[in-house]
């Protein structure tokens, strides 16, 4: 049985200590078109949010040339590939990775390359990477692991509480007039990912009400994995942890952070089958 390497992309957050066992295909962000960050150049979270406070960030998906080079490095070493990608409904990266995989299959017909659409993002898809790592340690083959990961895709839930509308407006996701009214009325939108797309789950009046809504969801049934997502507001994150204490933590990648802003927190759940 051939060894296999686990890949994911920059829209996915793998919790510690598992993050060192997954290869990341970066995604990119920029404030001016002539300076792109995400691979050779990066910003600290503090620098990123400082820039974001006054200027919109634009994002770009996986670089196909870099993805091909990374895949070929693994294939030349005699390893197969299992890649768990951000939802195809959120980013074009899944399609880019699939096209790259097809090219590599033609060049390395003896190899097995599987690309899975997580229908999720950040820590939700990160949990699938954790599952893949655990199954690999148990001696499962790539095909066995891939089949189980595809089954678990349907067991994921992810929820984000956004404390202000500024960045949703900035990214064109919310009408400015609606956002202004929402801020005045202290409305906190709860976003979720359903069928691979970001949708509004609920509007809550105040942060505590929003957190109680998430707490109610998390207590409905038993979770196999439950984790909290930190963005940039530590106090908000700690409130989330107190309402929904998870066993995992992850810092939201800067790609997704650019759309929701620092005053956001979230919860990812992988339910037991």
Protein backbone atom coordinates (compact mmCIF):
# COMPACT_ATOMS: atom_id res chain seq x y z
CA UNK A 1 0.00 0.00 0.00
CA UNK A 2 1.43 3.35 -1.08
CA UNK A 3 1.85 6.18 1.38
CA UNK A 4 -0.27 9.26 0.77
CA UNK A 5 0.12 12.94 1.55
CA UNK A 6 -2.72 15.14 2.80
CA UNK A 7 -3.22 18.56 1.22
CA UNK A 8 -5.67 21.38 1.78
CA UNK A 9 -5.90 25.04 0.76
CA UNK A 10 -5.61 28.45 2.37
CA UNK A 11 -9.34 28.74 3.11
CA UNK A 12 -9.07 25.77 5.51
CA UNK A 13 -7.84 26.00 9.11
CA UNK A 14 -6.36 22.82 10.56
CA UNK A 15 -6.15 22.92 14.40
CA UNK A 16 -2.97 22.27 16.33
CA UNK A 17 -1.15 19.93 16.59
CA UNK A 18 -2.47 18.47 13.33
CA UNK A 19 -1.57 21.54 11.26
CA UNK A 20 2.02 20.36 10.83
CA UNK A 21 0.85 17.17 9.11
CA UNK A 22 -1.06 18.84 6.27
CA UNK A 23 0.42 20.62 3.24
CA UNK A 24 -1.26 23.94 2.49
CA UNK A 25 -1.87 25.25 -1.02
CA UNK A 26 -1.99 28.98 -0.27
CA UNK A 27 -4.64 31.42 -1.34
CA UNK A 28 -3.94 35.10 -1.80
CA UNK A 29 -5.08 38.56 -0.73
CA UNK A 30 -4.15 42.08 -1.70
CA UNK A 31 -5.03 45.68 -0.99
CA UNK A 32 -3.26 47.04 -4.09
CA UNK A 33 -2.94 44.88 -7.23
CA UNK A 34 0.84 45.27 -7.36
CA UNK A 35 1.43 43.69 -3.93
CA UNK A 36 -0.02 40.22 -3.38
CA UNK A 37 0.21 38.39 -0.06
CA UNK A 38 -0.32 34.78 0.91
CA UNK A 39 2.76 32.84 -0.17
CA UNK A 40 6.20 34.44 -0.21
CA UNK A 41 4.83 37.66 1.28
CA UNK A 42 2.48 37.66 4.27
CA UNK A 43 1.14 40.11 6.82
CA UNK A 44 0.76 39.50 10.54
CA UNK A 45 -2.82 39.45 11.81
CA UNK A 46 -2.25 42.84 13.42
CA UNK A 47 -0.90 44.36 10.20
CA UNK A 48 -3.67 42.77 8.16
CA UNK A 49 -6.53 44.09 10.27
CA UNK A 50 -4.89 47.51 10.52
CA UNK A 51 -4.89 47.70 6.72
CA UNK A 52 -8.38 46.23 6.51
CA UNK A 53 -9.79 48.90 8.81
CA UNK A 54 -9.36 51.52 6.08
CA UNK A 55 -9.14 49.60 2.83
CA UNK A 56 -10.93 46.65 1.27
CA UNK A 57 -8.98 43.42 0.79
CA UNK A 58 -9.40 41.42 -2.40
CA UNK A 59 -8.78 37.69 -2.53
CA UNK A 60 -7.64 35.13 -5.09
CA UNK A 61 -7.66 31.34 -5.09
CA UNK A 62 -4.99 28.68 -5.40
CA UNK A 63 -2.24 29.25 -7.96
CA UNK A 64 -2.44 26.30 -10.41
CA UNK A 65 1.30 26.39 -11.19
CA UNK A 66 2.22 26.24 -7.52
CA UNK A 67 -0.36 23.50 -6.87
CA UNK A 68 1.10 21.43 -9.68
CA UNK A 69 4.64 21.85 -8.37
CA UNK A 70 3.59 20.83 -4.86
CA UNK A 71 1.67 17.82 -6.16
CA UNK A 72 4.55 16.72 -8.35
CA UNK A 73 6.97 16.89 -5.43
CA UNK A 74 4.82 14.36 -3.60
CA UNK A 75 4.24 12.18 -6.65
CA UNK A 76 7.93 12.05 -7.57
CA UNK A 77 8.59 10.85 -4.03
CA UNK A 78 6.21 7.94 -4.68
CA UNK A 79 3.35 9.25 -2.57
CA UNK A 80 -0.34 9.43 -3.46
CA UNK A 81 -2.41 12.53 -2.74
CA UNK A 82 -5.57 13.22 -0.77
CA UNK A 83 -6.63 16.88 -0.99
CA UNK A 84 -9.53 18.23 1.08
CA UNK A 85 -10.55 21.55 -0.44
CA UNK A 86 -12.69 24.51 0.54
CA UNK A 87 -16.27 24.33 -0.72
CA UNK A 88 -16.64 24.81 -4.45
CA UNK A 89 -19.58 27.08 -3.62
CA UNK A 90 -17.27 29.52 -1.81
CA UNK A 91 -14.08 29.53 -3.88
CA UNK A 92 -12.87 28.52 -7.32
CA UNK A 93 -9.91 26.78 -5.69
CA UNK A 94 -11.64 23.39 -5.70
CA UNK A 95 -12.00 23.50 -9.50
CA UNK A 96 -8.41 24.69 -9.89
CA UNK A 97 -7.14 21.82 -7.75
CA UNK A 98 -9.27 19.31 -9.68
CA UNK A 99 -7.82 20.55 -12.99
CA UNK A 100 -4.32 20.28 -11.54
CA UNK A 101 -5.06 16.75 -10.34
CA UNK A 102 -6.18 15.75 -13.85
CA UNK A 103 -2.92 17.02 -15.33
CA UNK A 104 -0.92 15.10 -12.75
CA UNK A 105 -2.89 11.89 -13.31
CA UNK A 106 -1.91 12.00 -16.97
CA UNK A 107 1.75 12.35 -16.03
CA UNK A 108 1.68 9.84 -13.16
CA UNK A 109 -0.87 7.16 -14.12
CA UNK A 110 0.37 4.81 -11.40
CA UNK A 111 -0.57 7.31 -8.69
CA UNK A 112 -3.87 7.86 -6.94
CA UNK A 113 -5.00 11.47 -6.53
CA UNK A 114 -8.27 12.27 -4.75
CA UNK A 115 -9.72 15.76 -4.38
CA UNK A 116 -12.69 16.13 -2.04
CA UNK A 117 -15.08 19.08 -1.95
CA UNK A 118 -15.54 19.68 1.78
CA UNK A 119 -18.68 21.81 1.19
CA UNK A 120 -17.25 23.77 4.13
CA UNK A 121 -14.34 26.03 5.03
CA UNK A 122 -11.99 27.06 7.84
CA UNK A 123 -12.23 24.74 10.89
CA UNK A 124 -15.13 22.73 9.44
CA UNK A 125 -12.99 21.49 6.57
CA UNK A 126 -10.08 21.40 9.01
CA UNK A 127 -11.89 18.71 10.99
CA UNK A 128 -11.96 16.56 7.85
CA UNK A 129 -8.20 16.96 7.62
CA UNK A 130 -7.91 15.80 11.24
CA UNK A 131 -10.06 12.77 10.37
CA UNK A 132 -7.79 11.98 7.42
CA UNK A 133 -4.67 12.24 9.59
CA UNK A 134 -6.15 9.93 12.22
CA UNK A 135 -7.17 7.34 9.62
CA UNK A 136 -3.74 7.46 8.02
CA UNK A 137 -2.18 6.75 11.43
CA UNK A 138 -4.55 3.81 11.81
CA UNK A 139 -3.16 2.32 8.59
CA UNK A 140 -6.14 3.10 6.36
CA UNK A 141 -5.49 3.31 2.64
CA UNK A 142 -6.08 6.49 0.68
CA UNK A 143 -9.27 5.07 -0.82
CA UNK A 144 -10.58 3.99 2.58
CA UNK A 145 -9.82 7.41 4.06
CA UNK A 146 -11.33 9.26 1.10
CA UNK A 147 -14.55 7.24 1.25
CA UNK A 148 -14.95 7.99 4.96
CA UNK A 149 -14.16 11.69 4.49
CA UNK A 150 -16.81 11.96 1.77
CA UNK A 151 -19.32 10.42 4.17
CA UNK A 152 -18.39 12.86 6.94
CA UNK A 153 -18.81 15.94 4.73
CA UNK A 154 -22.53 15.78 5.53
CA UNK A 155 -21.84 15.81 9.28
CA UNK A 156 -20.28 19.30 9.34
CA UNK A 157 -21.81 22.53 10.61
CA UNK A 158 -20.17 25.91 10.97
CA UNK A 159 -21.57 29.16 12.37
CA UNK A 160 -20.12 32.68 12.48
CA UNK A 161 -21.40 35.54 14.62
CA UNK A 162 -20.56 38.92 13.09
CA UNK A 163 -20.55 41.80 15.57
CA UNK A 164 -20.79 44.62 13.02
CA UNK A 165 -21.78 45.01 9.39
CA UNK A 166 -18.78 47.05 8.23
CA UNK A 167 -16.89 44.29 6.45
CA UNK A 168 -19.96 42.57 5.06
CA UNK A 169 -20.88 45.92 3.49
CA UNK A 170 -17.31 46.49 2.34
CA UNK A 171 -17.29 43.14 0.56
CA UNK A 172 -20.66 43.77 -1.09
CA UNK A 173 -22.50 41.07 0.88
CA UNK A 174 -24.86 43.49 2.64
CA UNK A 175 -26.58 46.65 1.41
CA UNK A 176 -25.13 49.71 3.24
CA UNK A 177 -28.58 50.92 4.32
CA UNK A 178 -29.45 47.50 5.75
CA UNK A 179 -26.11 47.33 7.53
CA UNK A 180 -26.56 50.77 9.08
CA UNK A 181 -29.97 49.84 10.44
CA UNK A 182 -28.59 46.54 11.74
CA UNK A 183 -25.81 48.29 13.65
CA UNK A 184 -28.24 50.81 15.13
CA UNK A 185 -30.55 48.03 16.32
CA UNK A 186 -27.61 45.92 17.59
CA UNK A 187 -28.47 43.09 15.20
CA UNK A 188 -25.87 40.32 15.08
CA UNK A 189 -26.10 38.17 11.94
CA UNK A 190 -25.28 34.48 12.38
CA UNK A 191 -23.86 33.06 9.17
CA UNK A 192 -23.66 29.38 8.30
CA UNK A 193 -22.54 27.21 5.39
CA UNK A 194 -25.37 25.23 3.87
CA UNK A 195 -24.92 22.98 0.82
CA UNK A 196 -21.51 24.55 0.33
CA UNK A 197 -22.72 28.17 0.28
CA UNK A 198 -22.57 30.92 2.91
CA UNK A 199 -26.06 31.84 4.06
CA UNK A 200 -27.71 33.86 6.80
CA UNK A 201 -28.82 31.43 9.51
CA UNK A 202 -30.44 33.86 11.90
CA UNK A 203 -30.45 37.47 13.13
CA UNK A 204 -30.06 37.92 16.87
CA UNK A 205 -30.60 41.02 18.98
CA UNK A 206 -27.28 41.46 20.75
CA UNK A 207 -24.16 39.35 21.08
CA UNK A 208 -25.31 37.32 24.08
CA UNK A 209 -28.51 36.31 22.29
CA UNK A 210 -26.46 35.23 19.28
CA UNK A 211 -24.14 33.17 21.48
CA UNK A 212 -27.09 31.51 23.22
CA UNK A 213 -28.45 30.52 19.80
CA UNK A 214 -25.16 28.83 18.94
CA UNK A 215 -25.07 27.17 22.35
CA UNK A 216 -28.55 25.72 21.77
CA UNK A 217 -27.45 24.29 18.42
CA UNK A 218 -24.33 22.70 19.93
CA UNK A 219 -26.38 20.99 22.66
CA UNK A 220 -28.94 19.40 20.31
CA UNK A 221 -26.93 16.23 19.79
CA UNK A 222 -23.50 14.77 20.42
CA UNK A 223 -20.54 16.20 18.54
CA UNK A 224 -17.57 14.14 17.46
CA UNK A 225 -15.49 17.33 17.22
CA UNK A 226 -16.35 20.84 18.42
CA UNK A 227 -14.10 23.85 18.04
CA UNK A 228 -14.00 27.62 18.46
CA UNK A 229 -12.75 30.08 15.84
CA UNK A 230 -10.78 33.19 16.75
CA UNK A 231 -10.63 36.12 14.35
CA UNK A 232 -9.33 39.35 15.89
CA UNK A 233 -11.48 40.24 18.90
CA UNK A 234 -10.16 38.24 21.85
CA UNK A 235 -12.96 39.25 24.23
CA UNK A 236 -15.60 38.13 21.75
CA UNK A 237 -13.79 34.84 21.19
CA UNK A 238 -13.58 34.14 24.93
CA UNK A 239 -17.31 34.80 25.30
CA UNK A 240 -17.92 32.28 22.54
CA UNK A 241 -15.73 29.71 24.32
CA UNK A 242 -17.61 30.24 27.58
CA UNK A 243 -20.96 29.58 25.90
CA UNK A 244 -19.75 26.77 23.63
CA UNK A 245 -16.55 25.26 25.04
CA UNK A 246 -14.82 23.33 22.28
CA UNK A 247 -11.91 20.90 22.34
CA UNK A 248 -10.22 22.62 19.39
CA UNK A 249 -9.27 26.20 18.54
CA UNK A 250 -8.30 27.79 15.26
CA UNK A 251 -7.40 31.28 14.09
CA UNK A 252 -9.50 32.14 11.06
CA UNK A 253 -7.37 32.41 7.93
CA UNK A 254 -6.96 35.92 6.54
CA UNK A 255 -8.79 35.06 3.32
CA UNK A 256 -12.10 34.47 5.10
CA UNK A 257 -11.28 37.13 7.70
CA UNK A 258 -11.23 39.75 4.96
CA UNK A 259 -14.96 39.18 4.38
CA UNK A 260 -16.14 39.20 8.02
CA UNK A 261 -13.66 41.44 9.83
CA UNK A 262 -12.01 41.07 13.24
CA UNK A 263 -15.22 41.43 15.28
CA UNK A 264 -16.34 37.92 14.49
CA UNK A 265 -16.19 34.54 16.17
CA UNK A 266 -17.37 31.10 15.18
CA UNK A 267 -18.01 27.50 16.05
CA UNK A 268 -17.34 24.42 13.93
CA UNK A 269 -19.05 21.11 14.65
CA UNK A 270 -18.55 17.63 13.26
CA UNK A 271 -21.49 15.60 14.47
CA UNK A 272 -21.31 11.95 15.38
CA UNK A 273 -22.90 9.77 12.72
